[in-house]
Structure formats: structure tokens, C-alpha cells
Amino acid sequence: MAFPFDSFDQSILISLSDDPELMSELTRALAENARVHADLMSRSRCDANWHAAAERLAGLAASFGARRLLNAAHQALDAAPGDPVALRSVRQAITALD
């Protein structure tokens, strides 16, 4: 699954770079929301719930241009529910946002 980064998304991110406080607030919001999806993934016991949480995480990461998190979400989409390697990769990508 590919997520195109259109000029609107890129222009938003570029304009935010001039406001470090706002950029920091949005990064915190991204990390907080990503943690919610990671928690849902860690509690998933079926393919459908795991896949849904990983897809939402990928969409969130794509909307912010968070490539490491997006790659981790894609790794999770290819993994089985509860895969410790995929979960660790997602959590490390979230930690890197802080």
C-alpha cells in the first residue's frame, strides 16, 4: 500500500517549520495517537483487528510524513497479530518522534 505525499501535505509541513511550538505540539499529538494504535495492535488477537489498527497507524504516519513510523506500520501489516518484532519496530518509531 502506498501513500502519496501531495503538495498540500508538504506545504503544510513546510509552513509549520516556521513555528517550532506548533510543530512540537503536532508531533506530540502524532506520538500520542500513534501510541493508541500501537496499544490496539498489542491487544489484537485476530487478523482483522491487528490489520485495522496497523492501517490506521500507517494512515496517521503518512499524513504527517513520518516515514520511519510508516515503514514500521507497513512491517506490521505484513506480520501476524501480536508479532513482537513488528510491535517493537512500531514502538521504537514512536519513541523516535519524542
N, C-alpha and C. Protein backbone atom coordinates (compact mmCIF):
# COMPACT_ATOMS: atom_id res chain seq x y z
N MET A 1 0.85 -1.17 0.00
CA MET A 1 0.00 0.00 0.00
C MET A 1 0.90 1.23 0.00
N ALA A 2 0.62 2.15 -0.87
CA ALA A 2 1.42 3.37 -0.97
C ALA A 2 0.58 4.57 -0.56
N PHE A 3 1.22 5.52 0.07
CA PHE A 3 0.56 6.75 0.48
C PHE A 3 1.27 7.92 -0.19
N PRO A 4 0.64 8.52 -1.20
CA PRO A 4 1.29 9.64 -1.87
C PRO A 4 1.32 10.88 -0.99
N PHE A 5 2.39 11.61 -1.06
CA PHE A 5 2.50 12.87 -0.33
C PHE A 5 2.28 13.98 -1.35
N ASP A 6 1.10 14.57 -1.30
CA ASP A 6 0.82 15.59 -2.31
C ASP A 6 1.37 16.94 -1.86
N SER A 7 1.26 17.90 -2.71
CA SER A 7 1.84 19.21 -2.43
C SER A 7 1.16 19.90 -1.26
N PHE A 8 -0.13 19.61 -1.03
CA PHE A 8 -0.82 20.22 0.11
C PHE A 8 -0.18 19.79 1.42
N ASP A 9 0.03 18.47 1.59
CA ASP A 9 0.67 17.96 2.81
C ASP A 9 2.05 18.56 3.00
N GLN A 10 2.81 18.60 1.92
CA GLN A 10 4.17 19.12 2.01
C GLN A 10 4.17 20.61 2.33
N SER A 11 3.23 21.35 1.77
CA SER A 11 3.20 22.78 2.05
C SER A 11 2.79 23.05 3.49
N ILE A 12 1.91 22.22 4.03
CA ILE A 12 1.53 22.37 5.44
C ILE A 12 2.75 22.14 6.33
N LEU A 13 3.48 21.07 6.08
CA LEU A 13 4.66 20.77 6.89
C LEU A 13 5.72 21.86 6.77
N ILE A 14 5.90 22.37 5.58
CA ILE A 14 6.89 23.44 5.38
C ILE A 14 6.47 24.69 6.13
N SER A 15 5.19 25.04 6.06
CA SER A 15 4.73 26.24 6.76
C SER A 15 4.83 26.08 8.28
N LEU A 16 4.67 24.87 8.78
CA LEU A 16 4.78 24.65 10.22
C LEU A 16 6.22 24.75 10.72
N SER A 17 7.16 24.50 9.84
CA SER A 17 8.55 24.54 10.27
C SER A 17 8.95 25.92 10.75
N ASP A 18 8.18 26.95 10.37
CA ASP A 18 8.46 28.31 10.84
C ASP A 18 7.93 28.55 12.25
N ASP A 19 7.14 27.63 12.77
CA ASP A 19 6.56 27.76 14.10
C ASP A 19 6.93 26.53 14.93
N PRO A 20 8.09 26.56 15.59
CA PRO A 20 8.56 25.38 16.31
C PRO A 20 7.60 24.93 17.42
N GLU A 21 6.91 25.85 18.04
CA GLU A 21 5.97 25.49 19.11
C GLU A 21 4.81 24.67 18.55
N LEU A 22 4.25 25.13 17.44
CA LEU A 22 3.15 24.40 16.81
C LEU A 22 3.63 23.05 16.28
N MET A 23 4.80 23.03 15.68
CA MET A 23 5.36 21.77 15.17
C MET A 23 5.55 20.78 16.31
N SER A 24 6.03 21.26 17.45
CA SER A 24 6.22 20.40 18.61
C SER A 24 4.89 19.86 19.12
N GLU A 25 3.87 20.72 19.14
CA GLU A 25 2.54 20.30 19.59
C GLU A 25 1.96 19.23 18.65
N LEU A 26 2.12 19.42 17.36
CA LEU A 26 1.61 18.43 16.41
C LEU A 26 2.39 17.12 16.49
N THR A 27 3.67 17.20 16.74
CA THR A 27 4.48 15.99 16.89
C THR A 27 4.04 15.21 18.13
N ARG A 28 3.76 15.94 19.21
CA ARG A 28 3.25 15.27 20.42
C ARG A 28 1.90 14.61 20.15
N ALA A 29 1.04 15.29 19.41
CA ALA A 29 -0.26 14.72 19.07
C ALA A 29 -0.10 13.47 18.21
N LEU A 30 0.82 13.52 17.26
CA LEU A 30 1.11 12.36 16.42
C LEU A 30 1.55 11.19 17.29
N ALA A 31 2.51 11.43 18.17
CA ALA A 31 3.02 10.36 19.03
C ALA A 31 1.92 9.80 19.93
N GLU A 32 1.10 10.68 20.48
CA GLU A 32 0.01 10.23 21.36
C GLU A 32 -0.98 9.35 20.60
N ASN A 33 -1.37 9.78 19.42
CA ASN A 33 -2.30 8.98 18.61
C ASN A 33 -1.66 7.68 18.15
N ALA A 34 -0.40 7.73 17.81
CA ALA A 34 0.31 6.52 17.39
C ALA A 34 0.37 5.51 18.53
N ARG A 35 0.55 5.99 19.76
CA ARG A 35 0.57 5.09 20.92
C ARG A 35 -0.77 4.39 21.10
N VAL A 36 -1.85 5.10 20.84
CA VAL A 36 -3.19 4.49 20.93
C VAL A 36 -3.30 3.33 19.94
N HIS A 37 -2.86 3.54 18.71
CA HIS A 37 -2.93 2.49 17.70
C HIS A 37 -1.98 1.34 18.03
N ALA A 38 -0.81 1.66 18.56
CA ALA A 38 0.13 0.60 18.97
C ALA A 38 -0.47 -0.23 20.10
N ASP A 39 -1.16 0.43 21.02
CA ASP A 39 -1.82 -0.29 22.11
C ASP A 39 -2.91 -1.21 21.56
N LEU A 40 -3.69 -0.71 20.61
CA LEU A 40 -4.72 -1.54 19.98
C LEU A 40 -4.08 -2.75 19.29
N MET A 41 -2.95 -2.50 18.64
CA MET A 41 -2.26 -3.61 17.99
C MET A 41 -1.78 -4.64 19.01
N SER A 42 -1.25 -4.17 20.13
CA SER A 42 -0.72 -5.10 21.13
C SER A 42 -1.82 -5.95 21.76
N ARG A 43 -3.05 -5.42 21.76
CA ARG A 43 -4.17 -6.17 22.33
C ARG A 43 -4.96 -6.96 21.30
N SER A 44 -4.60 -6.83 20.02
CA SER A 44 -5.31 -7.55 18.96
C SER A 44 -5.01 -9.04 19.03
N ARG A 45 -6.06 -9.82 18.88
CA ARG A 45 -5.89 -11.27 18.88
C ARG A 45 -6.38 -11.90 17.58
N CYS A 46 -6.84 -11.05 16.67
CA CYS A 46 -7.27 -11.57 15.38
C CYS A 46 -6.67 -10.71 14.27
N ASP A 47 -6.62 -11.31 13.11
CA ASP A 47 -6.03 -10.62 11.95
C ASP A 47 -6.74 -9.31 11.64
N ALA A 48 -8.07 -9.31 11.72
CA ALA A 48 -8.84 -8.12 11.34
C ALA A 48 -8.53 -6.93 12.23
N ASN A 49 -8.49 -7.13 13.55
CA ASN A 49 -8.21 -6.03 14.47
C ASN A 49 -6.78 -5.53 14.32
N TRP A 50 -5.85 -6.46 14.20
CA TRP A 50 -4.44 -6.10 14.01
C TRP A 50 -4.28 -5.27 12.73
N HIS A 51 -4.85 -5.77 11.66
CA HIS A 51 -4.72 -5.12 10.37
C HIS A 51 -5.37 -3.73 10.39
N ALA A 52 -6.54 -3.61 11.01
CA ALA A 52 -7.23 -2.32 11.08
C ALA A 52 -6.40 -1.29 11.85
N ALA A 53 -5.83 -1.70 12.98
CA ALA A 53 -5.01 -0.78 13.78
C ALA A 53 -3.73 -0.40 13.03
N ALA A 54 -3.12 -1.36 12.35
CA ALA A 54 -1.90 -1.09 11.59
C ALA A 54 -2.19 -0.17 10.40
N GLU A 55 -3.34 -0.36 9.76
CA GLU A 55 -3.71 0.53 8.65
C GLU A 55 -3.96 1.96 9.14
N ARG A 56 -4.63 2.10 10.27
CA ARG A 56 -4.86 3.44 10.81
C ARG A 56 -3.54 4.10 11.20
N LEU A 57 -2.64 3.31 11.76
CA LEU A 57 -1.32 3.83 12.11
C LEU A 57 -0.57 4.27 10.86
N ALA A 58 -0.65 3.48 9.81
CA ALA A 58 0.02 3.84 8.56
C ALA A 58 -0.57 5.13 7.98
N GLY A 59 -1.87 5.26 8.03
CA GLY A 59 -2.51 6.47 7.53
C GLY A 59 -2.10 7.69 8.33
N LEU A 60 -2.04 7.54 9.64
CA LEU A 60 -1.61 8.63 10.52
C LEU A 60 -0.17 9.03 10.19
N ALA A 61 0.70 8.04 10.09
CA ALA A 61 2.11 8.31 9.78
C ALA A 61 2.25 8.98 8.43
N ALA A 62 1.49 8.51 7.44
CA ALA A 62 1.57 9.09 6.10
C ALA A 62 1.10 10.54 6.09
N SER A 63 0.07 10.83 6.86
CA SER A 63 -0.45 12.20 6.85
C SER A 63 0.54 13.20 7.45
N PHE A 64 1.45 12.71 8.30
CA PHE A 64 2.46 13.58 8.90
C PHE A 64 3.81 13.45 8.21
N GLY A 65 3.91 12.54 7.26
CA GLY A 65 5.19 12.33 6.59
C GLY A 65 6.21 11.66 7.50
N ALA A 66 5.74 10.89 8.48
CA ALA A 66 6.61 10.20 9.42
C ALA A 66 7.04 8.87 8.80
N ARG A 67 8.07 8.93 8.01
CA ARG A 67 8.47 7.76 7.21
C ARG A 67 8.89 6.55 8.04
N ARG A 68 9.62 6.76 9.12
CA ARG A 68 10.04 5.61 9.94
C ARG A 68 8.81 4.91 10.52
N LEU A 69 7.86 5.70 11.01
CA LEU A 69 6.63 5.13 11.56
C LEU A 69 5.81 4.46 10.46
N LEU A 70 5.77 5.06 9.29
CA LEU A 70 5.06 4.47 8.16
C LEU A 70 5.68 3.12 7.78
N ASN A 71 7.00 3.05 7.74
CA ASN A 71 7.67 1.79 7.43
C ASN A 71 7.37 0.73 8.49
N ALA A 72 7.34 1.13 9.76
CA ALA A 72 7.03 0.19 10.83
C ALA A 72 5.58 -0.30 10.72
N ALA A 73 4.68 0.59 10.36
CA ALA A 73 3.28 0.20 10.18
C ALA A 73 3.14 -0.78 9.02
N HIS A 74 3.87 -0.54 7.95
CA HIS A 74 3.84 -1.47 6.81
C HIS A 74 4.41 -2.82 7.22
N GLN A 75 5.45 -2.81 8.03
CA GLN A 75 6.01 -4.06 8.53
C GLN A 75 4.95 -4.80 9.34
N ALA A 76 4.20 -4.08 10.16
CA ALA A 76 3.14 -4.68 10.97
C ALA A 76 2.03 -5.24 10.10
N LEU A 77 1.72 -4.56 9.00
CA LEU A 77 0.67 -5.07 8.10
C LEU A 77 1.03 -6.42 7.52
N ASP A 78 2.32 -6.68 7.38
CA ASP A 78 2.77 -7.96 6.84
C ASP A 78 2.99 -9.02 7.91
N ALA A 79 2.81 -8.63 9.18
CA ALA A 79 3.10 -9.53 10.29
C ALA A 79 1.81 -10.14 10.85
N ALA A 80 1.99 -11.16 11.66
CA ALA A 80 0.86 -11.79 12.34
C ALA A 80 0.48 -10.96 13.57
N PRO A 81 -0.77 -11.04 14.01
CA PRO A 81 -1.18 -10.32 15.21
C PRO A 81 -0.27 -10.62 16.40
N GLY A 82 0.15 -9.56 17.07
CA GLY A 82 0.99 -9.71 18.25
C GLY A 82 2.46 -9.95 17.96
N ASP A 83 2.87 -9.88 16.72
CA ASP A 83 4.27 -10.12 16.36
C ASP A 83 5.17 -9.17 17.15
N PRO A 84 6.04 -9.72 18.02
CA PRO A 84 6.86 -8.87 18.88
C PRO A 84 7.86 -8.01 18.11
N VAL A 85 8.35 -8.49 16.98
CA VAL A 85 9.30 -7.71 16.20
C VAL A 85 8.60 -6.50 15.58
N ALA A 86 7.41 -6.71 15.05
CA ALA A 86 6.66 -5.60 14.45
C ALA A 86 6.26 -4.59 15.52
N LEU A 87 5.80 -5.07 16.67
CA LEU A 87 5.41 -4.15 17.75
C LEU A 87 6.61 -3.35 18.25
N ARG A 88 7.75 -4.00 18.37
CA ARG A 88 8.96 -3.30 18.82
C ARG A 88 9.35 -2.22 17.81
N SER A 89 9.25 -2.54 16.54
CA SER A 89 9.58 -1.57 15.49
C SER A 89 8.64 -0.37 15.55
N VAL A 90 7.35 -0.62 15.75
CA VAL A 90 6.37 0.46 15.87
C VAL A 90 6.68 1.32 17.08
N ARG A 91 6.93 0.67 18.22
CA ARG A 91 7.20 1.44 19.46
C ARG A 91 8.49 2.24 19.36
N GLN A 92 9.50 1.70 18.71
CA GLN A 92 10.75 2.44 18.53
C GLN A 92 10.54 3.65 17.62
N ALA A 93 9.73 3.48 16.59
CA ALA A 93 9.45 4.61 15.69
C ALA A 93 8.67 5.70 16.42
N ILE A 94 7.77 5.30 17.31
CA ILE A 94 7.02 6.28 18.09
C ILE A 94 7.95 7.00 19.06
N THR A 95 8.81 6.26 19.72
CA THR A 95 9.77 6.86 20.66
C THR A 95 10.67 7.85 19.95
N ALA A 96 11.03 7.55 18.72
CA ALA A 96 11.91 8.45 17.95
C ALA A 96 11.23 9.78 17.65
N LEU A 97 9.90 9.82 17.73
CA LEU A 97 9.20 11.08 17.49
C LEU A 97 9.37 12.06 18.65
N ASP A 98 9.54 11.53 19.85
CA ASP A 98 9.64 12.38 21.06
C ASP A 98 10.92 13.13 21.14
